[in-house]
């Protein structure tokens, strides 16, 4: 489907005839339009329902409503997120309309990211219906997700070992987590963080899960994550979240198994796929 045409029809319905493509990822494309003198972002899904091997089917409408609900909740708490406007159905696709936040394309300073995460993890957990929970929260949800992923992964990587038994994994207190902290989702100007977007992977879980995922992302230069500096700033505001080493390894395994699926199928990259598979082998040894 022509996503630009979808965005243009939404813009016209709101009184704008000018639409500009801004960004595109695996799941969404973002466009800019001017409505009543104000710039807005049009977030257009590439599918009406996302079907990923090893994952539950996810309607794009749920992801858009989740994004809007999180923007509203965190905006009311004073965190840097866009102001949501509405979700408009067009050509069978739900389009999220929100405030357009300018970015110069340079990752924000590590201290800005560290402070944001400390504030996010310190908030009371709001009653949000998050797509990734699938009826379970925290570590239980991760274990179920890993078990579903393992079949499709072993089809692609036959020598991948079996998934270990996790037993009871109690990680402790939970917070709202972004779970996709990387440069493309951190909108900033001159190093100052203006907004955090793309909450599709958000979970309510132990904050150590956020750091486990960031630690893996930081190994890929394009993600623009200064992990040590972010951690240092975070610790100025909140204690660094700690969990049992086995739980930590499961947290990292969740991140790397997701990256392996991306680099094997959705954004093929043999070098990064090899890195992710090696990390999986190492982490399974850690869990065992």
C-alpha atoms as a PDB file:
ATOM      1  CA  UNK A   1       0.000   0.000   0.000  1.00  0.00           C
ATOM      2  CA  UNK A   2       1.143   3.560  -0.745  1.00  0.00           C
ATOM      3  CA  UNK A   3       1.674   4.928   2.778  1.00  0.00           C
ATOM      4  CA  UNK A   4       2.360   8.448   1.496  1.00  0.00           C
ATOM      5  CA  UNK A   5      -1.073   8.443  -0.173  1.00  0.00           C
ATOM      6  CA  UNK A   6      -2.658   7.266   3.090  1.00  0.00           C
ATOM      7  CA  UNK A   7      -0.936  10.092   4.988  1.00  0.00           C
ATOM      8  CA  UNK A   8      -1.966  12.610   2.317  1.00  0.00           C
ATOM      9  CA  UNK A   9      -5.640  11.618   2.592  1.00  0.00           C
ATOM     10  CA  UNK A  10      -5.530  11.961   6.380  1.00  0.00           C
ATOM     11  CA  UNK A  11      -3.850  15.358   6.035  1.00  0.00           C
ATOM     12  CA  UNK A  12      -6.513  16.547   3.583  1.00  0.00           C
ATOM     13  CA  UNK A  13      -9.265  15.412   5.952  1.00  0.00           C
ATOM     14  CA  UNK A  14      -7.659  17.668   8.577  1.00  0.00           C
ATOM     15  CA  UNK A  15      -7.308  20.655   6.233  1.00  0.00           C
ATOM     16  CA  UNK A  16      -3.732  20.265   4.986  1.00  0.00           C
ATOM     17  CA  UNK A  17      -2.493  19.625   1.457  1.00  0.00           C
ATOM     18  CA  UNK A  18       1.242  19.438   2.203  1.00  0.00           C
ATOM     19  CA  UNK A  19       2.769  16.180   3.453  1.00  0.00           C
ATOM     20  CA  UNK A  20       6.449  15.348   3.866  1.00  0.00           C
ATOM     21  CA  UNK A  21       7.998  11.949   4.562  1.00  0.00           C
ATOM     22  CA  UNK A  22      10.116  12.108   7.722  1.00  0.00           C
ATOM     23  CA  UNK A  23      11.155   8.603   8.758  1.00  0.00           C
ATOM     24  CA  UNK A  24      10.416   4.921   8.204  1.00  0.00           C
ATOM     25  CA  UNK A  25      11.096   1.829  10.280  1.00  0.00           C
ATOM     26  CA  UNK A  26      10.162  -1.839  10.118  1.00  0.00           C
ATOM     27  CA  UNK A  27       6.584  -1.257  11.279  1.00  0.00           C
ATOM     28  CA  UNK A  28       5.657   2.414  10.748  1.00  0.00           C
ATOM     29  CA  UNK A  29       6.337   5.365   8.480  1.00  0.00           C
ATOM     30  CA  UNK A  30       6.128   8.928   9.810  1.00  0.00           C
ATOM     31  CA  UNK A  31       5.020  11.980   7.828  1.00  0.00           C
ATOM     32  CA  UNK A  32       4.738  15.688   8.646  1.00  0.00           C
ATOM     33  CA  UNK A  33       1.787  17.942   7.846  1.00  0.00           C
ATOM     34  CA  UNK A  34       0.691  21.424   8.895  1.00  0.00           C
ATOM     35  CA  UNK A  35      -2.788  21.722  10.399  1.00  0.00           C
ATOM     36  CA  UNK A  36      -4.103  25.125  11.404  1.00  0.00           C
ATOM     37  CA  UNK A  37      -0.600  26.577  11.475  1.00  0.00           C
ATOM     38  CA  UNK A  38       0.738  23.763  13.700  1.00  0.00           C
ATOM     39  CA  UNK A  39       2.941  20.910  12.523  1.00  0.00           C
ATOM     40  CA  UNK A  40       1.703  17.405  13.262  1.00  0.00           C
ATOM     41  CA  UNK A  41       3.200  13.943  12.834  1.00  0.00           C
ATOM     42  CA  UNK A  42       1.246  11.241  11.006  1.00  0.00           C
ATOM     43  CA  UNK A  43       2.359   7.770  12.097  1.00  0.00           C
ATOM     44  CA  UNK A  44       1.177   5.273   9.476  1.00  0.00           C
ATOM     45  CA  UNK A  45       1.437   1.496  10.066  1.00  0.00           C
ATOM     46  CA  UNK A  46       2.787  -0.670   7.256  1.00  0.00           C
ATOM     47  CA  UNK A  47       0.307  -3.457   8.052  1.00  0.00           C
ATOM     48  CA  UNK A  48      -3.151  -3.600   9.608  1.00  0.00           C
ATOM     49  CA  UNK A  49      -2.066  -6.659  11.622  1.00  0.00           C
ATOM     50  CA  UNK A  50       1.553  -7.555  12.361  1.00  0.00           C
ATOM     51  CA  UNK A  51       2.336 -11.270  12.160  1.00  0.00           C
ATOM     52  CA  UNK A  52       5.823 -12.234  13.262  1.00  0.00           C
ATOM     53  CA  UNK A  53       7.047 -15.846  13.589  1.00  0.00           C
ATOM     54  CA  UNK A  54       7.092 -16.761  17.262  1.00  0.00           C
ATOM     55  CA  UNK A  55       4.938 -13.784  18.267  1.00  0.00           C
ATOM     56  CA  UNK A  56       1.218 -13.237  18.772  1.00  0.00           C
ATOM     57  CA  UNK A  57      -0.560 -11.360  15.924  1.00  0.00           C
ATOM     58  CA  UNK A  58      -0.808  -7.688  16.880  1.00  0.00           C
ATOM     59  CA  UNK A  59      -3.412  -5.342  15.361  1.00  0.00           C
ATOM     60  CA  UNK A  60      -1.861  -2.025  14.364  1.00  0.00           C
ATOM     61  CA  UNK A  61      -4.847  -0.287  15.971  1.00  0.00           C
ATOM     62  CA  UNK A  62      -3.778  -1.605  19.395  1.00  0.00           C
ATOM     63  CA  UNK A  63      -0.242  -0.312  18.905  1.00  0.00           C
ATOM     64  CA  UNK A  64      -1.528   3.120  17.889  1.00  0.00           C
ATOM     65  CA  UNK A  65      -3.913   3.315  20.851  1.00  0.00           C
ATOM     66  CA  UNK A  66      -1.078   2.223  23.145  1.00  0.00           C
ATOM     67  CA  UNK A  67       1.181   4.963  21.770  1.00  0.00           C
ATOM     68  CA  UNK A  68      -1.539   7.566  22.272  1.00  0.00           C
ATOM     69  CA  UNK A  69      -2.304   6.363  25.825  1.00  0.00           C
ATOM     70  CA  UNK A  70       1.375   6.427  26.827  1.00  0.00           C
ATOM     71  CA  UNK A  71       1.855   9.901  25.350  1.00  0.00           C
ATOM     72  CA  UNK A  72      -1.107  11.118  27.363  1.00  0.00           C
ATOM     73  CA  UNK A  73      -0.032   9.421  30.597  1.00  0.00           C
ATOM     74  CA  UNK A  74       3.623  10.458  30.470  1.00  0.00           C
ATOM     75  CA  UNK A  75       2.829  13.937  29.163  1.00  0.00           C
ATOM     76  CA  UNK A  76       0.597  14.500  32.194  1.00  0.00           C
ATOM     77  CA  UNK A  77       3.543  13.417  34.372  1.00  0.00           C
ATOM     78  CA  UNK A  78       5.806  16.010  32.717  1.00  0.00           C
ATOM     79  CA  UNK A  79       7.987  13.623  30.695  1.00  0.00           C
ATOM     80  CA  UNK A  80       9.146  14.530  27.167  1.00  0.00           C
ATOM     81  CA  UNK A  81       6.701  12.857  24.776  1.00  0.00           C
ATOM     82  CA  UNK A  82       4.632  14.303  21.902  1.00  0.00           C
ATOM     83  CA  UNK A  83       1.137  15.569  22.609  1.00  0.00           C
ATOM     84  CA  UNK A  84      -1.362  13.076  21.102  1.00  0.00           C
ATOM     85  CA  UNK A  85      -4.209  14.363  18.933  1.00  0.00           C
ATOM     86  CA  UNK A  86      -6.237  11.462  17.513  1.00  0.00           C
ATOM     87  CA  UNK A  87      -6.213   8.143  15.685  1.00  0.00           C
ATOM     88  CA  UNK A  88      -7.872   8.297  12.252  1.00  0.00           C
ATOM     89  CA  UNK A  89      -8.815   5.240  10.185  1.00  0.00           C
ATOM     90  CA  UNK A  90      -7.836   5.545   6.530  1.00  0.00           C
ATOM     91  CA  UNK A  91      -7.776   2.788   3.888  1.00  0.00           C
ATOM     92  CA  UNK A  92      -7.975   0.156   6.594  1.00  0.00           C
ATOM     93  CA  UNK A  93      -4.986   1.577   8.474  1.00  0.00           C
ATOM     94  CA  UNK A  94      -5.139   3.457  11.815  1.00  0.00           C
ATOM     95  CA  UNK A  95      -3.072   6.655  11.581  1.00  0.00           C
ATOM     96  CA  UNK A  96      -1.867   8.304  14.786  1.00  0.00           C
ATOM     97  CA  UNK A  97      -1.895  12.100  14.658  1.00  0.00           C
ATOM     98  CA  UNK A  98       0.298  13.812  17.242  1.00  0.00           C
ATOM     99  CA  UNK A  99       2.425  16.872  17.831  1.00  0.00           C
ATOM    100  CA  UNK A 100       5.425  17.026  15.489  1.00  0.00           C
ATOM    101  CA  UNK A 101       8.656  17.259  17.481  1.00  0.00           C
ATOM    102  CA  UNK A 102      11.678  18.670  15.682  1.00  0.00           C
ATOM    103  CA  UNK A 103      14.958  16.748  15.812  1.00  0.00           C
ATOM    104  CA  UNK A 104      18.362  17.522  14.326  1.00  0.00           C
ATOM    105  CA  UNK A 105      19.160  13.821  13.903  1.00  0.00           C
ATOM    106  CA  UNK A 106      21.985  13.831  16.443  1.00  0.00           C
ATOM    107  CA  UNK A 107      21.529  11.506  19.447  1.00  0.00           C
ATOM    108  CA  UNK A 108      20.837  13.343  22.719  1.00  0.00           C
ATOM    109  CA  UNK A 109      23.534  13.582  25.363  1.00  0.00           C
ATOM    110  CA  UNK A 110      23.876  10.535  27.577  1.00  0.00           C
ATOM    111  CA  UNK A 111      23.004  12.545  30.689  1.00  0.00           C
ATOM    112  CA  UNK A 112      19.677  13.545  29.101  1.00  0.00           C
ATOM    113  CA  UNK A 113      18.846   9.885  28.442  1.00  0.00           C
ATOM    114  CA  UNK A 114      19.950   8.784  31.900  1.00  0.00           C
ATOM    115  CA  UNK A 115      17.769  11.408  33.588  1.00  0.00           C
ATOM    116  CA  UNK A 116      14.784  10.505  31.437  1.00  0.00           C
ATOM    117  CA  UNK A 117      15.045   6.816  32.330  1.00  0.00           C
ATOM    118  CA  UNK A 118      15.428   7.600  36.026  1.00  0.00           C
ATOM    119  CA  UNK A 119      12.244   9.704  35.908  1.00  0.00           C
ATOM    120  CA  UNK A 120      10.368   7.067  33.882  1.00  0.00           C
ATOM    121  CA  UNK A 121      11.323   4.223  36.215  1.00  0.00           C
ATOM    122  CA  UNK A 122      10.387   6.291  39.255  1.00  0.00           C
ATOM    123  CA  UNK A 123       6.796   6.903  38.170  1.00  0.00           C
ATOM    124  CA  UNK A 124       3.883   4.961  39.668  1.00  0.00           C
ATOM    125  CA  UNK A 125       2.742   2.373  37.133  1.00  0.00           C
ATOM    126  CA  UNK A 126      -0.309   3.669  35.267  1.00  0.00           C
ATOM    127  CA  UNK A 127      -3.167   1.271  34.298  1.00  0.00           C
ATOM    128  CA  UNK A 128      -2.112   0.784  30.669  1.00  0.00           C
ATOM    129  CA  UNK A 129      -3.211  -2.142  28.469  1.00  0.00           C
ATOM    130  CA  UNK A 130       0.134  -3.002  26.877  1.00  0.00           C
ATOM    131  CA  UNK A 131       0.318  -5.218  23.811  1.00  0.00           C
ATOM    132  CA  UNK A 132       3.518  -7.035  24.784  1.00  0.00           C
ATOM    133  CA  UNK A 133       2.107  -8.382  28.058  1.00  0.00           C
ATOM    134  CA  UNK A 134      -0.263 -10.836  26.369  1.00  0.00           C
ATOM    135  CA  UNK A 135      -1.916 -11.632  29.689  1.00  0.00           C
ATOM    136  CA  UNK A 136       1.320 -11.916  31.679  1.00  0.00           C
ATOM    137  CA  UNK A 137       3.667  -9.349  33.176  1.00  0.00           C
ATOM    138  CA  UNK A 138       7.348  -9.153  33.958  1.00  0.00           C
ATOM    139  CA  UNK A 139       9.540 -12.231  33.741  1.00  0.00           C
ATOM    140  CA  UNK A 140       6.644 -14.633  33.164  1.00  0.00           C
ATOM    141  CA  UNK A 141       5.770 -12.773  29.969  1.00  0.00           C
ATOM    142  CA  UNK A 142       9.398 -12.882  28.826  1.00  0.00           C
ATOM    143  CA  UNK A 143       9.685 -16.627  29.392  1.00  0.00           C
ATOM    144  CA  UNK A 144       6.518 -17.254  27.348  1.00  0.00           C
ATOM    145  CA  UNK A 145       7.781 -14.975  24.580  1.00  0.00           C
ATOM    146  CA  UNK A 146      11.146 -16.764  24.440  1.00  0.00           C
ATOM    147  CA  UNK A 147       9.473 -20.172  24.210  1.00  0.00           C
ATOM    148  CA  UNK A 148       7.378 -19.003  21.246  1.00  0.00           C
ATOM    149  CA  UNK A 149      10.409 -17.541  19.469  1.00  0.00           C
ATOM    150  CA  UNK A 150      12.589 -20.580  19.867  1.00  0.00           C
ATOM    151  CA  UNK A 151      10.862 -22.772  17.254  1.00  0.00           C
ATOM    152  CA  UNK A 152      11.201 -20.256  14.400  1.00  0.00           C
ATOM    153  CA  UNK A 153      14.783 -19.477  15.450  1.00  0.00           C
ATOM    154  CA  UNK A 154      15.816 -23.133  15.451  1.00  0.00           C
ATOM    155  CA  UNK A 155      14.301 -23.560  11.997  1.00  0.00           C
ATOM    156  CA  UNK A 156      16.711 -20.890  10.776  1.00  0.00           C
ATOM    157  CA  UNK A 157      19.643 -21.913  12.999  1.00  0.00           C
ATOM    158  CA  UNK A 158      19.519 -25.728  13.400  1.00  0.00           C
ATOM    159  CA  UNK A 159      22.503 -25.907  15.779  1.00  0.00           C
ATOM    160  CA  UNK A 160      20.851 -23.526  18.230  1.00  0.00           C
ATOM    161  CA  UNK A 161      20.629 -25.309  21.613  1.00  0.00           C
ATOM    162  CA  UNK A 162      17.321 -25.970  23.317  1.00  0.00           C
ATOM    163  CA  UNK A 163      15.926 -23.287  25.572  1.00  0.00           C
ATOM    164  CA  UNK A 164      16.786 -23.993  29.236  1.00  0.00           C
ATOM    165  CA  UNK A 165      14.133 -24.407  31.915  1.00  0.00           C
ATOM    166  CA  UNK A 166      13.844 -21.101  33.719  1.00  0.00           C
ATOM    167  CA  UNK A 167      12.139 -22.203  36.915  1.00  0.00           C
ATOM    168  CA  UNK A 168      10.679 -19.380  38.998  1.00  0.00           C
ATOM    169  CA  UNK A 169      12.171 -16.010  38.054  1.00  0.00           C
ATOM    170  CA  UNK A 170      11.138 -13.294  40.493  1.00  0.00           C
ATOM    171  CA  UNK A 171      12.700 -10.005  39.475  1.00  0.00           C
ATOM    172  CA  UNK A 172      11.029  -7.803  42.099  1.00  0.00           C
ATOM    173  CA  UNK A 173       9.476  -4.309  41.730  1.00  0.00           C
ATOM    174  CA  UNK A 174       8.266  -3.176  38.317  1.00  0.00           C
ATOM    175  CA  UNK A 175       8.069   0.076  36.325  1.00  0.00           C
ATOM    176  CA  UNK A 176       6.928   1.172  32.888  1.00  0.00           C
ATOM    177  CA  UNK A 177       9.804   0.482  30.469  1.00  0.00           C
ATOM    178  CA  UNK A 178      10.302   1.866  26.966  1.00  0.00           C
ATOM    179  CA  UNK A 179      12.273  -1.218  25.764  1.00  0.00           C
ATOM    180  CA  UNK A 180      13.526   0.360  22.532  1.00  0.00           C
ATOM    181  CA  UNK A 181      15.897   3.095  23.693  1.00  0.00           C
ATOM    182  CA  UNK A 182      18.045   3.973  20.685  1.00  0.00           C
ATOM    183  CA  UNK A 183      18.896   7.057  18.670  1.00  0.00           C
ATOM    184  CA  UNK A 184      15.999   6.888  16.190  1.00  0.00           C
ATOM    185  CA  UNK A 185      13.442   7.019  19.026  1.00  0.00           C
ATOM    186  CA  UNK A 186      15.081   9.879  20.938  1.00  0.00           C
ATOM    187  CA  UNK A 187      14.201  13.202  19.332  1.00  0.00           C
ATOM    188  CA  UNK A 188      16.615  15.961  20.279  1.00  0.00           C
ATOM    189  CA  UNK A 189      18.137  19.262  19.222  1.00  0.00           C
ATOM    190  CA  UNK A 190      21.721  20.223  20.117  1.00  0.00           C
ATOM    191  CA  UNK A 191      21.929  17.283  22.515  1.00  0.00           C
ATOM    192  CA  UNK A 192      18.789  18.195  24.477  1.00  0.00           C
ATOM    193  CA  UNK A 193      16.124  15.479  24.596  1.00  0.00           C
ATOM    194  CA  UNK A 194      12.781  16.823  23.356  1.00  0.00           C
ATOM    195  CA  UNK A 195      10.681  13.656  23.029  1.00  0.00           C
ATOM    196  CA  UNK A 196      10.825   9.877  23.291  1.00  0.00           C
ATOM    197  CA  UNK A 197       8.697   8.074  20.695  1.00  0.00           C
ATOM    198  CA  UNK A 198       7.795   4.555  19.527  1.00  0.00           C
ATOM    199  CA  UNK A 199       6.487   2.820  22.641  1.00  0.00           C
ATOM    200  CA  UNK A 200       5.381  -0.295  20.719  1.00  0.00           C
ATOM    201  CA  UNK A 201       7.693  -2.525  22.794  1.00  0.00           C
ATOM    202  CA  UNK A 202       6.770  -0.973  26.166  1.00  0.00           C
ATOM    203  CA  UNK A 203       6.403  -3.318  29.135  1.00  0.00           C
ATOM    204  CA  UNK A 204       5.743  -3.157  32.840  1.00  0.00           C
ATOM    205  CA  UNK A 205       8.669  -5.091  34.308  1.00  0.00           C
ATOM    206  CA  UNK A 206      11.796  -4.749  36.445  1.00  0.00           C
ATOM    207  CA  UNK A 207      13.913  -1.752  35.285  1.00  0.00           C
ATOM    208  CA  UNK A 208      16.928  -4.086  34.938  1.00  0.00           C
ATOM    209  CA  UNK A 209      15.213  -5.375  31.790  1.00  0.00           C
ATOM    210  CA  UNK A 210      15.531  -1.906  30.216  1.00  0.00           C
ATOM    211  CA  UNK A 211      19.246  -1.869  30.962  1.00  0.00           C
ATOM    212  CA  UNK A 212      19.762  -5.422  29.697  1.00  0.00           C
ATOM    213  CA  UNK A 213      18.235  -4.462  26.362  1.00  0.00           C
ATOM    214  CA  UNK A 214      20.199  -1.208  26.157  1.00  0.00           C
ATOM    215  CA  UNK A 215      23.429  -3.090  26.893  1.00  0.00           C
ATOM    216  CA  UNK A 216      22.822  -5.315  23.866  1.00  0.00           C
ATOM    217  CA  UNK A 217      21.729  -2.412  21.659  1.00  0.00           C
ATOM    218  CA  UNK A 218      24.868  -0.476  22.643  1.00  0.00           C
ATOM    219  CA  UNK A 219      26.985  -3.083  20.849  1.00  0.00           C
ATOM    220  CA  UNK A 220      25.540  -1.852  17.534  1.00  0.00           C
ATOM    221  CA  UNK A 221      26.966   1.569  16.660  1.00  0.00           C
ATOM    222  CA  UNK A 222      23.898   2.779  14.737  1.00  0.00           C
ATOM    223  CA  UNK A 223      21.862   2.765  17.958  1.00  0.00           C
ATOM    224  CA  UNK A 224      23.931   5.647  19.352  1.00  0.00           C
ATOM    225  CA  UNK A 225      23.889   4.433  22.971  1.00  0.00           C
ATOM    226  CA  UNK A 226      26.621   5.529  25.379  1.00  0.00           C
ATOM    227  CA  UNK A 227      25.744   2.860  27.898  1.00  0.00           C
ATOM    228  CA  UNK A 228      28.309   3.651  30.606  1.00  0.00           C
ATOM    229  CA  UNK A 229      27.504   7.376  30.579  1.00  0.00           C
ATOM    230  CA  UNK A 230      23.736   6.776  30.611  1.00  0.00           C
ATOM    231  CA  UNK A 231      24.152   4.404  33.553  1.00  0.00           C
ATOM    232  CA  UNK A 232      26.332   6.876  35.446  1.00  0.00           C
ATOM    233  CA  UNK A 233      23.735   9.668  35.104  1.00  0.00           C
ATOM    234  CA  UNK A 234      20.899   7.307  36.057  1.00  0.00           C
ATOM    235  CA  UNK A 235      22.722   6.439  39.279  1.00  0.00           C
ATOM    236  CA  UNK A 236      22.819  10.110  40.235  1.00  0.00           C
ATOM    237  CA  UNK A 237      19.016   9.995  40.539  1.00  0.00           C
ATOM    238  CA  UNK A 238      18.094   6.372  41.308  1.00  0.00           C
ATOM    239  CA  UNK A 239      19.908   3.209  42.387  1.00  0.00           C
ATOM    240  CA  UNK A 240      20.926   1.084  39.416  1.00  0.00           C
ATOM    241  CA  UNK A 241      18.420  -1.821  39.169  1.00  0.00           C
ATOM    242  CA  UNK A 242      19.939  -5.171  40.100  1.00  0.00           C
ATOM    243  CA  UNK A 243      18.627  -8.730  39.601  1.00  0.00           C
ATOM    244  CA  UNK A 244      19.924 -12.264  40.021  1.00  0.00           C
ATOM    245  CA  UNK A 245      22.544 -13.177  37.337  1.00  0.00           C
ATOM    246  CA  UNK A 246      20.253 -15.865  35.900  1.00  0.00           C
ATOM    247  CA  UNK A 247      17.425 -13.347  35.525  1.00  0.00           C
ATOM    248  CA  UNK A 248      19.879 -10.872  33.980  1.00  0.00           C
ATOM    249  CA  UNK A 249      20.890 -13.491  31.399  1.00  0.00           C
ATOM    250  CA  UNK A 250      17.223 -14.206  30.571  1.00  0.00           C
ATOM    251  CA  UNK A 251      16.642 -10.461  30.141  1.00  0.00           C
ATOM    252  CA  UNK A 252      19.571 -10.242  27.711  1.00  0.00           C
ATOM    253  CA  UNK A 253      18.440 -13.410  25.907  1.00  0.00           C
ATOM    254  CA  UNK A 254      15.049 -11.810  25.250  1.00  0.00           C
ATOM    255  CA  UNK A 255      16.768  -8.845  23.595  1.00  0.00           C
ATOM    256  CA  UNK A 256      19.237 -10.841  21.509  1.00  0.00           C
ATOM    257  CA  UNK A 257      16.686 -13.407  20.313  1.00  0.00           C
ATOM    258  CA  UNK A 258      14.553 -10.526  19.032  1.00  0.00           C
ATOM    259  CA  UNK A 259      17.575  -8.996  17.260  1.00  0.00           C
ATOM    260  CA  UNK A 260      18.453 -12.368  15.730  1.00  0.00           C
ATOM    261  CA  UNK A 261      14.976 -12.603  14.189  1.00  0.00           C
ATOM    262  CA  UNK A 262      15.289  -9.057  12.824  1.00  0.00           C
ATOM    263  CA  UNK A 263      18.715  -9.658  11.270  1.00  0.00           C
ATOM    264  CA  UNK A 264      17.747 -13.068   9.874  1.00  0.00           C
ATOM    265  CA  UNK A 265      14.410 -12.060   8.304  1.00  0.00           C
ATOM    266  CA  UNK A 266      13.131  -8.483   8.564  1.00  0.00           C
ATOM    267  CA  UNK A 267      16.284  -6.455   7.977  1.00  0.00           C
ATOM    268  CA  UNK A 268      18.708  -9.149   6.752  1.00  0.00           C
ATOM    269  CA  UNK A 269      22.276  -8.543   7.865  1.00  0.00           C
ATOM    270  CA  UNK A 270      24.462 -11.703   7.937  1.00  0.00           C
ATOM    271  CA  UNK A 271      27.217 -10.115  10.028  1.00  0.00           C
ATOM    272  CA  UNK A 272      24.835  -8.899  12.724  1.00  0.00           C
ATOM    273  CA  UNK A 273      22.857 -12.146  12.588  1.00  0.00           C
ATOM    274  CA  UNK A 274      26.078 -14.050  13.304  1.00  0.00           C
ATOM    275  CA  UNK A 275      26.793 -11.715  16.234  1.00  0.00           C
ATOM    276  CA  UNK A 276      23.292 -12.236  17.666  1.00  0.00           C
ATOM    277  CA  UNK A 277      23.488 -16.030  17.343  1.00  0.00           C
ATOM    278  CA  UNK A 278      26.872 -16.109  19.089  1.00  0.00           C
ATOM    279  CA  UNK A 279      25.426 -13.986  21.887  1.00  0.00           C
ATOM    280  CA  UNK A 280      22.509 -16.429  22.219  1.00  0.00           C
ATOM    281  CA  UNK A 281      24.924 -19.337  22.679  1.00  0.00           C
ATOM    282  CA  UNK A 282      26.872 -17.379  25.324  1.00  0.00           C
ATOM    283  CA  UNK A 283      23.734 -16.345  27.204  1.00  0.00           C
ATOM    284  CA  UNK A 284      22.268 -19.843  27.266  1.00  0.00           C
ATOM    285  CA  UNK A 285      25.475 -21.015  28.913  1.00  0.00           C
ATOM    286  CA  UNK A 286      25.057 -18.217  31.460  1.00  0.00           C
ATOM    287  CA  UNK A 287      21.449 -19.246  32.192  1.00  0.00           C
ATOM    288  CA  UNK A 288      22.418 -22.877  32.631  1.00  0.00           C
END
